[in-house]
Every structure is written in structure tokens, then in C-alpha cells.
Amino acid sequence: MHTVMVMGGGFALLVVFLLAGRFMGDGSSMALAAAAKWFIPAWFVGAGINMAVGVLKAGYSVAEELPIFLFIFAVPALVAGLLWWKFGR
């Protein structure tokens, strides 16, 4: 359940980035593409923090947390990458 909640947070963060790109940019599709592009490294840091909490606080090993980190990072990042590709053309 925690994994789903963290990924939901990732999608919520993606929406925040897209809204910021729309309102702070010129509203064009290129602004949305840039917002999606900036989301990916920000989400990498966020997913990494989640992994660090799992290792340091919950007591999981890095080997146990790494596949979860990759899954948590990859799903929202893949959606952001697709949006970047779609709006950046």
C-alpha cells in the first residue's frame, strides 16, 4: 500500500509541475514538455528519499529497496517522458 501511495504522490507532483509549466510558461505545449522534463530529476530525488527512509528507518537493505525504488521512480517518470515526447514535438 505504501508503494501505491508514494507513486500517487509522484503523479500528484507531476500534475503540479504541469500546472506550473502551464501558468508560469506561455501556456504552449513546449512549456508542458519542459515541465515534464524537469519533473524527472525531481522525482528521482523524491524516490531516492523514499528509498533512504526505507533503508535507514524501516530497516530494509539496499538490495531489498532497490527494486521498489526503480518501480516507484519508473512509472511516473515513464508517464512524464511520454508527455515530454508528445508535447515536445
C-alpha atoms as a PDB file:
ATOM      1  CA  MET A   1       0.000   0.000   0.000  1.00  0.00           C
ATOM      2  CA  HIS A   2       2.879   2.339   0.779  1.00  0.00           C
ATOM      3  CA  THR A   3       4.261   1.880  -2.736  1.00  0.00           C
ATOM      4  CA  VAL A   4       0.937   2.896  -4.289  1.00  0.00           C
ATOM      5  CA  MET A   5       0.725   5.949  -2.042  1.00  0.00           C
ATOM      6  CA  VAL A   6       4.253   7.075  -2.933  1.00  0.00           C
ATOM      7  CA  MET A   7       3.591   6.611  -6.662  1.00  0.00           C
ATOM      8  CA  GLY A   8       0.368   8.559  -6.223  1.00  0.00           C
ATOM      9  CA  GLY A   9       2.469  11.317  -4.696  1.00  0.00           C
ATOM     10  CA  GLY A  10       4.686  11.158  -7.774  1.00  0.00           C
ATOM     11  CA  PHE A  11       1.720  11.598 -10.082  1.00  0.00           C
ATOM     12  CA  ALA A  12       0.450  14.470  -7.922  1.00  0.00           C
ATOM     13  CA  LEU A  13       3.881  16.098  -8.193  1.00  0.00           C
ATOM     14  CA  LEU A  14       3.771  15.633 -11.966  1.00  0.00           C
ATOM     15  CA  VAL A  15       0.429  17.448 -12.069  1.00  0.00           C
ATOM     16  CA  VAL A  16       1.932  20.281 -10.005  1.00  0.00           C
ATOM     17  CA  PHE A  17       4.851  20.538 -12.443  1.00  0.00           C
ATOM     18  CA  LEU A  18       2.498  20.543 -15.441  1.00  0.00           C
ATOM     19  CA  LEU A  19       0.286  23.220 -13.891  1.00  0.00           C
ATOM     20  CA  ALA A  20       3.355  25.310 -13.088  1.00  0.00           C
ATOM     21  CA  GLY A  21       4.548  24.907 -16.665  1.00  0.00           C
ATOM     22  CA  ARG A  22       1.180  25.967 -17.981  1.00  0.00           C
ATOM     23  CA  PHE A  23       0.747  29.023 -15.759  1.00  0.00           C
ATOM     24  CA  MET A  24       4.363  30.167 -15.421  1.00  0.00           C
ATOM     25  CA  GLY A  25       5.207  29.465 -19.037  1.00  0.00           C
ATOM     26  CA  ASP A  26       3.434  30.791 -22.061  1.00  0.00           C
ATOM     27  CA  GLY A  27       0.825  28.027 -21.980  1.00  0.00           C
ATOM     28  CA  SER A  28       2.235  26.327 -25.052  1.00  0.00           C
ATOM     29  CA  SER A  29       2.869  22.645 -25.446  1.00  0.00           C
ATOM     30  CA  MET A  30       6.613  23.340 -25.219  1.00  0.00           C
ATOM     31  CA  ALA A  31       6.092  24.731 -21.699  1.00  0.00           C
ATOM     32  CA  LEU A  32       4.358  21.486 -20.735  1.00  0.00           C
ATOM     33  CA  ALA A  33       7.199  19.496 -22.287  1.00  0.00           C
ATOM     34  CA  ALA A  34       9.720  21.477 -20.257  1.00  0.00           C
ATOM     35  CA  ALA A  35       7.707  20.907 -17.081  1.00  0.00           C
ATOM     36  CA  ALA A  36       7.632  17.159 -17.710  1.00  0.00           C
ATOM     37  CA  LYS A  37      11.379  17.227 -18.402  1.00  0.00           C
ATOM     38  CA  TRP A  38      12.073  18.998 -15.090  1.00  0.00           C
ATOM     39  CA  PHE A  39       9.837  16.583 -13.199  1.00  0.00           C
ATOM     40  CA  ILE A  40      12.029  13.558 -13.959  1.00  0.00           C
ATOM     41  CA  PRO A  41      15.128  14.573 -11.932  1.00  0.00           C
ATOM     42  CA  ALA A  42      12.940  15.995  -9.161  1.00  0.00           C
ATOM     43  CA  TRP A  43      11.081  12.693  -8.929  1.00  0.00           C
ATOM     44  CA  PHE A  44      14.379  10.781  -8.942  1.00  0.00           C
ATOM     45  CA  VAL A  45      15.364  12.711  -5.815  1.00  0.00           C
ATOM     46  CA  GLY A  46      11.940  12.134  -4.244  1.00  0.00           C
ATOM     47  CA  ALA A  47      12.011   8.406  -4.928  1.00  0.00           C
ATOM     48  CA  GLY A  48      15.582   8.301  -3.615  1.00  0.00           C
ATOM     49  CA  ILE A  49      14.474   9.929  -0.372  1.00  0.00           C
ATOM     50  CA  ASN A  50      11.766   7.285  -0.065  1.00  0.00           C
ATOM     51  CA  MET A  51      14.411   4.593  -0.562  1.00  0.00           C
ATOM     52  CA  ALA A  52      16.676   6.182   2.052  1.00  0.00           C
ATOM     53  CA  VAL A  53      13.828   6.221   4.561  1.00  0.00           C
ATOM     54  CA  GLY A  54      13.173   2.553   3.852  1.00  0.00           C
ATOM     55  CA  VAL A  55      16.815   1.679   4.435  1.00  0.00           C
ATOM     56  CA  LEU A  56      17.564   3.972   7.378  1.00  0.00           C
ATOM     57  CA  LYS A  57      14.270   3.982   9.280  1.00  0.00           C
ATOM     58  CA  ALA A  58      12.373   0.850   8.267  1.00  0.00           C
ATOM     59  CA  GLY A  59      15.410  -1.406   8.347  1.00  0.00           C
ATOM     60  CA  TYR A  60      15.310  -2.767   4.805  1.00  0.00           C
ATOM     61  CA  SER A  61      18.557  -3.467   2.996  1.00  0.00           C
ATOM     62  CA  VAL A  62      19.545  -1.563  -0.126  1.00  0.00           C
ATOM     63  CA  ALA A  63      19.119  -4.792  -2.104  1.00  0.00           C
ATOM     64  CA  GLU A  64      15.524  -5.062  -0.866  1.00  0.00           C
ATOM     65  CA  GLU A  65      14.697  -1.416  -1.511  1.00  0.00           C
ATOM     66  CA  LEU A  66      16.357  -1.020  -4.916  1.00  0.00           C
ATOM     67  CA  PRO A  67      13.683  -2.850  -6.981  1.00  0.00           C
ATOM     68  CA  ILE A  68      10.951  -0.903  -5.180  1.00  0.00           C
ATOM     69  CA  PHE A  69      12.832   2.348  -5.845  1.00  0.00           C
ATOM     70  CA  LEU A  70      13.130   1.510  -9.531  1.00  0.00           C
ATOM     71  CA  PHE A  71       9.408   0.723  -9.776  1.00  0.00           C
ATOM     72  CA  ILE A  72       8.367   3.818  -7.804  1.00  0.00           C
ATOM     73  CA  PHE A  73      10.616   6.026  -9.932  1.00  0.00           C
ATOM     74  CA  ALA A  74       9.975   4.416 -13.304  1.00  0.00           C
ATOM     75  CA  VAL A  75       6.181   4.534 -13.525  1.00  0.00           C
ATOM     76  CA  PRO A  76       5.672   8.308 -13.029  1.00  0.00           C
ATOM     77  CA  ALA A  77       8.921   9.055 -14.903  1.00  0.00           C
ATOM     78  CA  LEU A  78       7.713   6.992 -17.862  1.00  0.00           C
ATOM     79  CA  VAL A  79       4.462   8.962 -17.963  1.00  0.00           C
ATOM     80  CA  ALA A  80       6.445  12.211 -17.745  1.00  0.00           C
ATOM     81  CA  GLY A  81       8.746  11.015 -20.520  1.00  0.00           C
ATOM     82  CA  LEU A  82       5.784  10.239 -22.740  1.00  0.00           C
ATOM     83  CA  LEU A  83       4.318  13.683 -22.045  1.00  0.00           C
ATOM     84  CA  TRP A  84       7.688  15.285 -22.781  1.00  0.00           C
ATOM     85  CA  TRP A  85       7.834  13.401 -26.074  1.00  0.00           C
ATOM     86  CA  LYS A  86       4.214  14.200 -27.002  1.00  0.00           C
ATOM     87  CA  PHE A  87       4.312  17.906 -26.164  1.00  0.00           C
ATOM     88  CA  GLY A  88       7.892  18.472 -27.309  1.00  0.00           C
ATOM     89  CA  ARG A  89       7.217  17.590 -30.940  1.00  0.00           C
END
